[in-house]
Protein backbone atom coordinates (compact mmCIF):
# COMPACT_ATOMS: atom_id res chain seq x y z
CA GLN A 1 4.36 -5.71 -5.89
CA VAL A 2 0.62 -5.75 -6.42
CA GLN A 3 -1.49 -5.45 -3.30
CA LEU A 4 -5.22 -5.68 -2.85
CA VAL A 5 -6.43 -4.67 0.60
CA GLU A 6 -10.01 -5.30 1.65
CA SER A 7 -11.78 -3.51 4.48
CA GLY A 8 -15.28 -3.01 5.82
CA GLY A 9 -16.11 -6.45 7.11
CA GLY A 10 -17.61 -7.04 10.52
CA LEU A 11 -20.56 -8.35 12.48
CA VAL A 12 -24.05 -7.34 11.44
CA GLN A 13 -27.55 -8.56 12.18
CA ALA A 14 -29.65 -10.24 9.54
CA GLY A 15 -31.32 -7.65 7.35
CA GLY A 16 -28.49 -5.19 7.86
CA SER A 17 -25.95 -3.74 5.45
CA LEU A 18 -22.20 -3.54 5.03
CA ARG A 19 -19.98 -1.91 2.45
CA LEU A 20 -16.75 -3.62 1.59
CA SER A 21 -13.87 -1.76 -0.02
CA CYS A 22 -10.82 -3.03 -1.83
CA ALA A 23 -7.89 -0.73 -2.51
CA ALA A 24 -5.58 -1.93 -5.26
CA SER A 25 -2.01 -0.93 -5.99
CA LEU A 26 -2.41 -1.76 -9.68
CA ARG A 27 -0.76 0.88 -11.85
CA THR A 28 -3.35 0.53 -14.61
CA PHE A 29 -6.29 -0.24 -12.38
CA SER A 30 -8.92 0.80 -14.92
CA THR A 31 -7.78 -1.90 -17.34
CA TYR A 32 -8.59 -4.71 -14.91
CA ALA A 33 -11.96 -6.29 -14.39
CA MET A 34 -12.42 -6.78 -10.67
CA GLY A 35 -14.34 -9.36 -8.75
CA TRP A 36 -15.52 -10.33 -5.30
CA PHE A 37 -15.51 -13.90 -4.06
CA ARG A 38 -16.39 -15.39 -0.72
CA GLN A 39 -15.56 -18.50 1.24
CA ALA A 40 -17.70 -19.78 4.07
CA PRO A 41 -16.29 -22.15 6.70
CA GLY A 42 -15.88 -25.62 5.24
CA ALA A 43 -16.98 -24.49 1.79
CA GLU A 44 -15.35 -23.78 -1.54
CA ARG A 45 -14.58 -20.23 -2.56
CA GLU A 46 -17.45 -18.92 -4.69
CA PHE A 47 -17.96 -16.06 -7.08
CA VAL A 48 -20.07 -13.14 -5.88
CA ALA A 49 -19.80 -10.28 -8.37
CA ALA A 50 -17.61 -8.76 -11.06
CA ILE A 51 -17.25 -5.37 -12.68
CA SER A 52 -15.53 -4.40 -15.91
CA GLY A 53 -12.56 -2.06 -16.01
CA SER A 54 -14.66 0.94 -17.00
CA GLY A 55 -17.38 0.03 -14.52
CA GLY A 56 -19.93 -0.12 -17.32
CA ASN A 57 -20.65 -3.81 -16.96
CA THR A 58 -21.46 -5.81 -13.86
CA TYR A 59 -22.30 -9.43 -13.23
CA TYR A 60 -23.67 -11.15 -10.14
CA ALA A 61 -24.14 -14.59 -8.76
CA ASP A 62 -27.83 -15.43 -8.58
CA PHE A 63 -27.82 -15.62 -4.80
CA VAL A 64 -26.88 -11.92 -4.43
CA LYS A 65 -28.86 -10.35 -7.26
CA GLY A 66 -30.97 -7.50 -5.98
CA ARG A 67 -29.12 -7.39 -2.66
CA PHE A 68 -25.47 -6.67 -3.49
CA THR A 69 -24.04 -3.97 -5.74
CA ILE A 70 -20.49 -3.87 -7.06
CA SER A 71 -18.98 -0.55 -8.08
CA ARG A 72 -15.59 1.02 -8.58
CA ASP A 73 -13.85 4.36 -8.44
CA ASN A 74 -10.93 4.26 -10.86
CA ALA A 75 -9.61 7.59 -9.60
CA LYS A 76 -9.14 5.96 -6.20
CA ASN A 77 -8.09 2.50 -7.44
CA THR A 78 -10.89 1.07 -5.32
CA VAL A 79 -13.70 -1.41 -5.85
CA TYR A 80 -16.68 -1.68 -3.55
CA LEU A 81 -19.30 -4.23 -2.63
CA GLN A 82 -22.45 -2.81 -1.09
CA MET A 83 -24.29 -5.60 0.68
CA ASN A 84 -27.89 -5.07 1.75
CA SER A 85 -30.51 -7.38 3.23
CA LEU A 86 -27.79 -9.59 4.60
CA LYS A 87 -28.62 -13.14 5.58
CA PRO A 88 -26.82 -15.52 7.95
CA GLU A 89 -25.80 -17.58 4.91
CA ASP A 90 -23.81 -14.59 3.65
CA THR A 91 -21.37 -15.21 6.50
CA ALA A 92 -17.95 -15.76 4.93
CA VAL A 93 -14.56 -14.28 4.29
CA TYR A 94 -14.88 -11.96 1.31
CA TYR A 95 -12.01 -11.54 -1.13
CA CYS A 96 -11.47 -9.07 -3.91
CA ALA A 97 -9.46 -10.03 -6.95
CA ALA A 98 -8.16 -8.58 -10.21
CA ALA A 99 -8.78 -10.52 -13.41
CA ILE A 100 -5.78 -11.17 -15.63
CA SER A 101 -7.52 -12.76 -18.59
CA SER A 102 -9.76 -10.99 -21.05
CA GLY A 103 -13.46 -11.51 -21.51
CA PHE A 104 -16.36 -10.53 -19.32
CA PRO A 105 -17.68 -11.70 -16.98
CA PRO A 106 -14.76 -13.35 -15.21
CA SER A 107 -16.85 -15.56 -12.95
CA SER A 108 -14.32 -18.31 -12.27
CA SER A 109 -11.45 -17.93 -9.85
CA GLY A 110 -8.98 -19.13 -12.46
CA ARG A 111 -9.46 -15.89 -14.37
CA TYR A 112 -7.95 -13.88 -11.53
CA GLY A 113 -4.29 -13.34 -10.86
CA TYR A 114 -4.24 -11.01 -7.88
CA TRP A 115 -6.07 -11.55 -4.61
CA GLY A 116 -6.54 -9.69 -1.38
CA GLN A 117 -6.18 -11.20 2.06
CA GLY A 118 -9.91 -11.19 2.73
CA THR A 119 -12.24 -9.49 5.16
CA ARG A 120 -14.60 -11.41 7.41
CA VAL A 121 -18.34 -10.82 7.33
CA THR A 122 -20.52 -12.38 10.01
CA VAL A 123 -24.28 -12.10 9.84
CA SER A 124 -26.13 -13.03 13.00
CA SER A 125 -29.73 -14.26 12.98
């Protein structure tokens, strides 16, 4: 059974940083593009960032460009989201996901077949 387990969420002040991790039990992890999504209270889930299987290509939502960085370590079956200059509007539950359809970037949730349980990020003003 495939499992994606996020960690690293928490409470941080505006302007601070957090690093999210997602450990995946995918046997061929390096063949999957991975993504991060987030869902704020009362809002739809939205795309944040994606990275190709090799890690050579990344793609970001406009609202995180220059502040967030997605990366991966295929030897550890782990994808990361480094979040800097956090704003109160970044408050959400953050989910990692593995894409199951080809083509990059996978920016829509329908492209993903495996999801983690989420980790909560709260940014105080």
